[in-house]
Amino acid sequence: MRAKQGNGAPEAPAPVLSVGFLLCDHFTLSAFALFADHLRLAADEGDRSRPILCRWSVMSARAEPARASCGVTVARTGPLADPRGFDYIVVVGGLLSGTHLDDETIAYLRQAAAAGTTLVGVCTGSFVLVRAGLMSGRRCCVSWYHYHDFLAEFPHHEPVADRLFVIDGDRITCAGGGGVADLATHLVERHVGRAVAQKSRHVLLLDRPRTGTDAQPVPAIADAVSDDRVRRALLMMEQHLADPLPIADIARRLKVSTRQLERLFRQVMGDKPATFYRALRLRYARWLLDTTDRSVTDIALEAGFSDCAHFSRQFKAAHGFTPSGARAGGVAATGERSPGIAATRLFD
């Protein structure tokens, strides 16, 4: 039942989902906007934006607006509020060099954690939670792009870089980008319902929601290549890591001969297309070994090798040690045969 207001009229029911946002200096605008717009569209019928089913606040200890990495500023809707009034408090990070919160806000996050409010680190917001000592013993999801940055700063934490987001009790971390939309969908569905969550995605013209266990997209290498035909060939390779295309098929799709494609690859990439393709898949496999706990057999299939034995032979030929040895000993990849400049960017 609704409570009565002083004038006898019934009070509006409390929102089903309440979220407080904390925006870091140089935060990522798209991450904040995707999350907030999911809540806005889920909160009311149509596109009326009334905070009926969902409520959201942009909090700050300071009165001045927060500046996004793109230069746009967002004003706070209020000061730091009682954390017990929120289901989630979301820290939105951004540029790693500028991702921080003031001491008062860090103390507020610790207060929220003590009160049992779920804390969410979006984009590099996960770095903020770790720095505040709020991720001890928790799995922490980071973007593949910041995987090595995370390890360098937090060598005793093991980041998860193959998933869109990770829920570990009352801590949630999200790699950022489009994964923020999937996390917002998940939380709206959990609290408000599936139909409402779908409505938000439909209005935002988003396809099916992905789960937290869905893999992050593989980092692209084709952008660094100027030759259009080689770049298109690389895109085909990247899109077919698990089911490798014959080089002749790639050449046919590009309307060139296999011989011509090999000549182009030698000129641009310094290697044969088949050799480069194999090295690309092996690098992807190495990245999965370093950043996930998936089995070697699973990784072999994911990287397009027919069986584990074949994968192990190819991997050892390239790196000088087996996949199991790399994982068990944390061996650095030394002495491997370089597949070209573009590929070295893949996971550096």
Protein backbone atom coordinates (compact mmCIF):
# COMPACT_ATOMS: atom_id res chain seq x y z
CA MET A 1 0.00 0.00 0.00
CA ARG A 2 1.05 3.58 -0.56
CA ALA A 3 1.60 5.81 2.42
CA LYS A 4 -0.61 8.88 2.84
CA GLN A 5 0.82 12.35 2.34
CA GLY A 6 -0.12 15.15 4.70
CA ASN A 7 -2.91 16.35 2.37
CA GLY A 8 -4.45 12.88 2.27
CA ALA A 9 -3.15 12.03 -1.20
CA PRO A 10 -1.20 8.77 -1.53
CA GLU A 11 2.56 9.10 -1.84
CA ALA A 12 4.27 7.80 -4.96
CA PRO A 13 5.86 4.39 -4.38
CA ALA A 14 9.60 4.25 -3.87
CA PRO A 15 11.58 3.42 -7.01
CA VAL A 16 12.38 -0.25 -7.52
CA LEU A 17 15.95 0.56 -8.55
CA SER A 18 18.06 3.42 -7.18
CA VAL A 19 21.53 4.24 -8.51
CA GLY A 20 24.05 6.88 -7.47
CA PHE A 21 26.80 7.94 -9.88
CA LEU A 22 30.27 9.19 -8.94
CA LEU A 23 32.10 10.67 -11.92
CA CYS A 24 35.90 10.64 -11.90
CA ASP A 25 37.92 13.45 -13.40
CA HIS A 26 38.09 12.87 -17.18
CA PHE A 27 35.36 10.21 -16.97
CA THR A 28 34.10 8.45 -20.10
CA LEU A 29 30.90 10.20 -21.18
CA SER A 30 29.55 7.25 -23.18
CA ALA A 31 29.83 4.89 -20.19
CA PHE A 32 27.85 7.26 -17.97
CA ALA A 33 25.30 8.09 -20.67
CA LEU A 34 24.62 4.46 -21.61
CA PHE A 35 24.01 3.54 -17.98
CA ALA A 36 21.89 6.59 -17.16
CA ASP A 37 19.78 6.33 -20.30
CA HIS A 38 18.97 2.69 -19.58
CA LEU A 39 17.64 3.80 -16.20
CA ARG A 40 15.76 6.75 -17.68
CA LEU A 41 13.99 4.64 -20.28
CA ALA A 42 13.23 1.89 -17.79
CA ALA A 43 11.83 4.33 -15.25
CA ASP A 44 8.69 5.42 -17.07
CA GLU A 45 6.31 4.62 -19.88
CA GLY A 46 7.34 5.73 -23.34
CA ASP A 47 10.05 8.39 -23.37
CA ARG A 48 8.68 10.59 -20.56
CA SER A 49 11.73 10.17 -18.30
CA ARG A 50 9.90 10.43 -14.97
CA PRO A 51 11.93 8.65 -12.24
CA ILE A 52 9.10 6.33 -11.20
CA LEU A 53 10.53 2.81 -11.38
CA CYS A 54 14.17 3.91 -11.33
CA ARG A 55 15.93 6.81 -9.67
CA TRP A 56 19.43 8.07 -10.43
CA SER A 57 21.61 10.77 -8.94
CA VAL A 58 24.94 12.30 -9.91
CA MET A 59 26.71 12.95 -6.64
CA SER A 60 29.85 14.86 -5.82
CA ALA A 61 31.61 16.26 -2.78
CA ARG A 62 32.38 19.36 -4.87
CA ALA A 63 29.96 21.87 -6.34
CA GLU A 64 31.80 22.30 -9.65
CA PRO A 65 30.83 20.06 -12.60
CA ALA A 66 32.81 16.94 -13.51
CA ARG A 67 34.66 17.14 -16.82
CA ALA A 68 34.52 14.15 -19.18
CA SER A 69 37.50 13.05 -21.24
CA CYS A 70 35.82 14.59 -24.30
CA GLY A 71 35.58 18.00 -22.57
CA VAL A 72 31.84 17.93 -21.82
CA THR A 73 30.93 18.80 -18.23
CA VAL A 74 28.18 17.23 -16.14
CA ALA A 75 26.79 19.00 -13.08
CA ARG A 76 25.98 17.09 -9.94
CA THR A 77 22.35 16.63 -8.98
CA GLY A 78 23.29 16.72 -5.32
CA PRO A 79 25.99 16.15 -2.70
CA LEU A 80 27.02 12.78 -1.36
CA ALA A 81 23.85 11.16 -0.03
CA ASP A 82 23.23 8.38 2.47
CA PRO A 83 24.58 5.28 0.67
CA ARG A 84 21.87 3.15 2.23
CA GLY A 85 19.39 4.86 -0.08
CA PHE A 86 20.97 3.28 -3.16
CA ASP A 87 20.97 -0.23 -4.56
CA TYR A 88 24.17 0.57 -6.44
CA ILE A 89 26.81 3.28 -6.37
CA VAL A 90 28.57 3.44 -9.71
CA VAL A 91 32.09 4.86 -10.11
CA VAL A 92 32.59 5.94 -13.73
CA GLY A 93 36.26 6.09 -14.69
CA GLY A 94 37.89 7.31 -17.88
CA LEU A 95 41.39 8.44 -18.81
CA LEU A 96 43.71 6.32 -16.72
CA SER A 97 46.11 9.20 -16.09
CA GLY A 98 43.31 11.29 -14.58
CA THR A 99 41.05 8.67 -13.03
CA HIS A 100 40.80 9.58 -9.38
CA LEU A 101 38.35 10.80 -6.75
CA ASP A 102 38.97 13.17 -3.86
CA ASP A 103 39.61 11.89 -0.33
CA GLU A 104 36.09 12.73 0.85
CA THR A 105 34.55 10.64 -1.92
CA ILE A 106 36.90 7.72 -1.27
CA ALA A 107 35.85 7.81 2.38
CA TYR A 108 32.23 7.84 1.21
CA LEU A 109 32.83 4.70 -0.89
CA ARG A 110 34.25 2.94 2.16
CA GLN A 111 31.22 4.03 4.15
CA ALA A 112 28.96 2.65 1.40
CA ALA A 113 30.83 -0.66 1.42
CA ALA A 114 30.46 -0.91 5.20
CA ALA A 115 26.72 -0.25 4.81
CA GLY A 116 26.41 -3.14 2.36
CA THR A 117 25.62 -1.06 -0.73
CA THR A 118 26.85 -2.72 -3.92
CA LEU A 119 29.73 -0.80 -5.53
CA VAL A 120 30.18 -0.78 -9.29
CA GLY A 121 33.38 0.16 -11.13
CA VAL A 122 32.79 1.05 -14.77
CA CYS A 123 35.61 1.49 -17.29
CA THR A 124 38.66 2.43 -15.16
CA GLY A 125 36.39 2.88 -12.16
CA SER A 126 37.66 -0.58 -11.19
CA PHE A 127 41.10 1.00 -10.60
CA VAL A 128 39.51 3.44 -8.16
CA LEU A 129 37.87 0.64 -6.18
CA VAL A 130 41.14 -1.31 -5.97
CA ARG A 131 43.10 1.78 -4.89
CA ALA A 132 40.53 2.37 -2.16
CA GLY A 133 41.13 -1.15 -0.83
CA LEU A 134 37.61 -2.24 -1.71
CA MET A 135 38.40 -5.18 -4.01
CA SER A 136 40.44 -7.44 -1.73
CA GLY A 137 39.74 -11.06 -2.57
CA ARG A 138 37.37 -10.02 -5.38
CA ARG A 139 37.59 -10.70 -9.09
CA CYS A 140 38.04 -7.48 -11.04
CA CYS A 141 37.04 -7.00 -14.69
CA VAL A 142 39.15 -4.67 -16.81
CA SER A 143 39.35 -3.87 -20.50
CA TRP A 144 41.95 -5.76 -22.51
CA TYR A 145 43.33 -2.30 -23.31
CA HIS A 146 44.22 -1.68 -19.64
CA TYR A 147 45.14 -5.23 -18.72
CA HIS A 148 48.89 -4.58 -18.46
CA ASP A 149 48.29 -1.20 -16.77
CA PHE A 150 46.28 -3.00 -14.10
CA LEU A 151 48.93 -5.66 -13.55
CA ALA A 152 51.66 -3.03 -13.31
CA GLU A 153 49.80 -1.08 -10.63
CA PHE A 154 48.24 -4.02 -8.79
CA PRO A 155 50.58 -7.03 -9.20
CA HIS A 156 48.80 -8.96 -6.44
CA HIS A 157 45.39 -8.76 -8.14
CA GLU A 158 44.45 -11.03 -11.03
CA PRO A 159 42.34 -9.06 -13.52
CA VAL A 160 39.64 -10.63 -15.68
CA ALA A 161 40.07 -9.28 -19.20
CA ASP A 162 38.05 -11.72 -21.29
CA ARG A 163 34.58 -10.77 -20.01
CA LEU A 164 32.28 -7.77 -20.32
CA PHE A 165 31.52 -7.51 -16.62
CA VAL A 166 32.00 -9.52 -13.44
CA ILE A 167 29.64 -9.72 -10.47
CA ASP A 168 31.41 -10.81 -7.30
CA GLY A 169 29.00 -10.44 -4.39
CA ASP A 170 28.43 -6.76 -3.65
CA ARG A 171 31.13 -5.66 -6.09
CA ILE A 172 30.59 -5.33 -9.82
CA THR A 173 33.25 -4.32 -12.32
CA CYS A 174 32.74 -3.65 -16.02
CA ALA A 175 35.30 -3.30 -18.80
CA GLY A 176 33.47 -0.27 -20.19
CA GLY A 177 32.45 0.57 -23.75
CA GLY A 178 29.39 -1.24 -25.00
CA GLY A 179 29.61 -3.61 -22.06
CA VAL A 180 28.13 -0.86 -19.88
CA ALA A 181 24.85 -1.17 -21.78
CA ASP A 182 24.81 -4.92 -21.15
CA LEU A 183 25.48 -4.43 -17.44
CA ALA A 184 22.73 -1.81 -17.19
CA THR A 185 20.34 -4.18 -18.96
CA HIS A 186 21.23 -6.95 -16.51
CA LEU A 187 20.57 -4.76 -13.47
CA VAL A 188 17.31 -3.34 -14.81
CA GLU A 189 16.12 -6.85 -15.62
CA ARG A 190 17.10 -8.06 -12.15
CA HIS A 191 15.18 -5.32 -10.32
CA VAL A 192 12.43 -4.09 -12.65
CA GLY A 193 11.83 -6.93 -15.08
CA ARG A 194 12.83 -8.32 -18.44
CA ALA A 195 10.20 -6.50 -20.48
CA VAL A 196 11.31 -3.13 -19.08
CA ALA A 197 14.97 -3.94 -19.74
CA GLN A 198 14.15 -4.92 -23.32
CA LYS A 199 12.25 -1.68 -23.81
CA SER A 200 15.35 0.35 -22.93
CA ARG A 201 17.45 -1.58 -25.43
CA HIS A 202 14.82 -1.31 -28.16
CA VAL A 203 14.59 2.47 -27.80
CA LEU A 204 18.39 2.71 -27.86
CA LEU A 205 18.45 0.52 -31.01
CA LEU A 206 20.65 -2.10 -29.35
CA ASP A 207 20.73 -5.77 -30.32
CA ARG A 208 20.35 -8.70 -27.96
CA PRO A 209 21.91 -8.19 -24.53
CA ARG A 210 25.16 -9.97 -23.81
CA THR A 211 25.91 -11.64 -20.51
CA GLY A 212 28.82 -10.83 -18.25
CA THR A 213 30.56 -14.02 -19.36
CA ASP A 214 30.49 -13.00 -23.02
CA ALA A 215 33.97 -12.30 -24.32
CA GLN A 216 35.31 -8.83 -24.92
CA PRO A 217 35.90 -8.16 -28.62
CA VAL A 218 39.40 -9.01 -29.79
CA PRO A 219 41.57 -5.89 -30.17
CA ALA A 220 41.89 -5.00 -33.83
CA ILE A 221 45.19 -4.64 -35.71
CA ALA A 222 43.94 -3.67 -39.16
CA ASP A 223 43.66 0.04 -38.34
CA ALA A 224 47.45 0.44 -38.55
CA VAL A 225 47.60 -0.89 -42.12
CA SER A 226 47.29 1.56 -45.00
CA ASP A 227 46.91 -0.89 -47.92
CA ASP A 228 43.18 -1.43 -48.35
CA ARG A 229 43.43 -5.03 -49.59
CA VAL A 230 45.75 -6.14 -46.79
CA ARG A 231 43.60 -4.34 -44.23
CA ARG A 232 40.48 -6.13 -45.48
CA ALA A 233 42.34 -9.44 -45.39
CA LEU A 234 43.36 -8.78 -41.78
CA LEU A 235 39.77 -7.99 -40.84
CA MET A 236 38.69 -11.33 -42.32
CA MET A 237 41.39 -13.08 -40.31
CA GLU A 238 40.37 -11.32 -37.09
CA GLN A 239 36.75 -12.26 -37.69
CA HIS A 240 37.68 -15.91 -38.29
CA LEU A 241 40.12 -16.81 -35.53
CA ALA A 242 38.09 -19.79 -34.33
CA ASP A 243 37.27 -20.98 -37.87
CA PRO A 244 40.26 -19.98 -40.03
CA LEU A 245 39.60 -19.23 -43.68
CA PRO A 246 41.82 -20.78 -46.37
CA ILE A 247 44.11 -18.12 -47.83
CA ALA A 248 42.69 -18.89 -51.27
CA ASP A 249 39.20 -17.99 -49.99
CA ILE A 250 40.47 -14.69 -48.61
CA ALA A 251 42.12 -13.89 -51.93
CA ARG A 252 38.94 -14.75 -53.82
CA ARG A 253 36.85 -12.46 -51.63
CA LEU A 254 39.33 -9.68 -52.30
CA LYS A 255 39.23 -10.43 -56.04
CA VAL A 256 42.98 -11.01 -56.23
CA SER A 257 45.00 -14.15 -56.88
CA THR A 258 46.57 -16.07 -54.03
CA ARG A 259 49.98 -15.22 -55.44
CA GLN A 260 49.14 -11.52 -55.52
CA LEU A 261 47.88 -11.59 -51.94
CA GLU A 262 51.08 -13.26 -50.79
CA ARG A 263 53.13 -10.59 -52.56
CA LEU A 264 51.07 -7.80 -50.91
CA PHE A 265 51.51 -9.36 -47.48
CA ARG A 266 55.24 -9.64 -47.90
CA GLN A 267 55.43 -5.98 -48.90
CA VAL A 268 53.19 -4.64 -46.12
CA MET A 269 53.47 -7.15 -43.27
CA GLY A 270 56.84 -8.72 -44.00
CA ASP A 271 55.46 -12.26 -44.01
CA LYS A 272 53.26 -14.72 -45.86
CA PRO A 273 49.53 -14.42 -45.13
CA ALA A 274 49.34 -18.01 -43.83
CA THR A 275 52.28 -17.45 -41.48
CA PHE A 276 50.84 -14.18 -40.25
CA TYR A 277 47.40 -15.72 -39.78
CA ARG A 278 48.84 -18.53 -37.66
CA ALA A 279 50.88 -16.07 -35.59
CA LEU A 280 47.79 -13.96 -35.07
CA ARG A 281 45.87 -16.95 -33.74
CA LEU A 282 48.78 -17.97 -31.51
CA ARG A 283 48.98 -14.47 -30.05
CA TYR A 284 45.27 -14.56 -29.37
CA ALA A 285 45.72 -17.94 -27.67
CA ARG A 286 48.61 -16.56 -25.59
CA TRP A 287 46.43 -13.66 -24.51
CA LEU A 288 43.68 -16.06 -23.44
CA LEU A 289 46.23 -18.12 -21.50
CA ASP A 290 47.48 -15.00 -19.71
CA THR A 291 44.13 -13.39 -18.98
CA THR A 292 41.64 -16.23 -18.44
CA ASP A 293 41.34 -19.51 -16.56
CA ARG A 294 39.90 -21.38 -19.55
CA SER A 295 41.34 -24.82 -20.27
CA VAL A 296 44.12 -25.25 -22.82
CA THR A 297 41.81 -27.41 -24.94
CA ASP A 298 39.12 -24.74 -24.93
CA ILE A 299 41.67 -22.08 -25.89
CA ALA A 300 43.03 -24.26 -28.68
CA LEU A 301 39.57 -24.54 -30.25
CA GLU A 302 38.85 -20.84 -29.66
CA ALA A 303 42.05 -19.97 -31.54
CA GLY A 304 41.14 -22.18 -34.49
CA PHE A 305 43.32 -25.24 -33.90
CA SER A 306 41.85 -28.66 -34.63
CA ASP A 307 43.04 -30.27 -31.41
CA CYS A 308 45.11 -29.58 -28.32
CA ALA A 309 48.16 -31.54 -29.52
CA HIS A 310 48.38 -29.56 -32.77
CA PHE A 311 47.99 -26.30 -30.84
CA SER A 312 50.69 -27.25 -28.34
CA ARG A 313 53.17 -28.08 -31.11
CA GLN A 314 52.55 -24.79 -32.92
CA PHE A 315 52.65 -22.82 -29.68
CA LYS A 316 55.95 -24.36 -28.59
CA ALA A 317 57.47 -23.77 -32.02
CA ALA A 318 56.56 -20.09 -31.78
CA HIS A 319 57.37 -19.45 -28.10
CA GLY A 320 59.83 -22.15 -27.06
CA PHE A 321 57.56 -23.52 -24.32
CA THR A 322 54.20 -25.25 -24.12
CA PRO A 323 50.86 -23.59 -23.34
CA SER A 324 50.73 -25.42 -20.00
CA GLY A 325 54.25 -24.28 -19.23
CA ALA A 326 53.39 -20.67 -20.03
CA ARG A 327 50.46 -20.73 -17.63
CA ALA A 328 52.16 -22.71 -14.87
CA GLY A 329 55.35 -20.68 -14.79
CA GLY A 330 54.15 -17.29 -16.03
CA VAL A 331 56.85 -17.49 -18.71
CA ALA A 332 57.41 -14.37 -20.78
CA ALA A 333 57.19 -14.85 -24.51
CA THR A 334 60.81 -14.52 -25.59
CA GLY A 335 62.42 -15.62 -28.77
CA GLU A 336 59.18 -15.91 -30.69
CA ARG A 337 59.21 -15.25 -34.40
CA SER A 338 57.69 -11.83 -35.06
CA PRO A 339 54.76 -11.85 -37.48
CA GLY A 340 55.11 -8.18 -38.40
CA ILE A 341 54.68 -4.70 -36.97
CA ALA A 342 50.88 -4.66 -36.90
CA ALA A 343 50.60 -7.89 -34.95
CA THR A 344 52.93 -6.65 -32.22
CA ARG A 345 50.27 -4.07 -31.35
CA LEU A 346 47.69 -6.75 -30.73
CA PHE A 347 48.12 -7.25 -27.02
CA ASP A 348 50.89 -4.79 -26.07
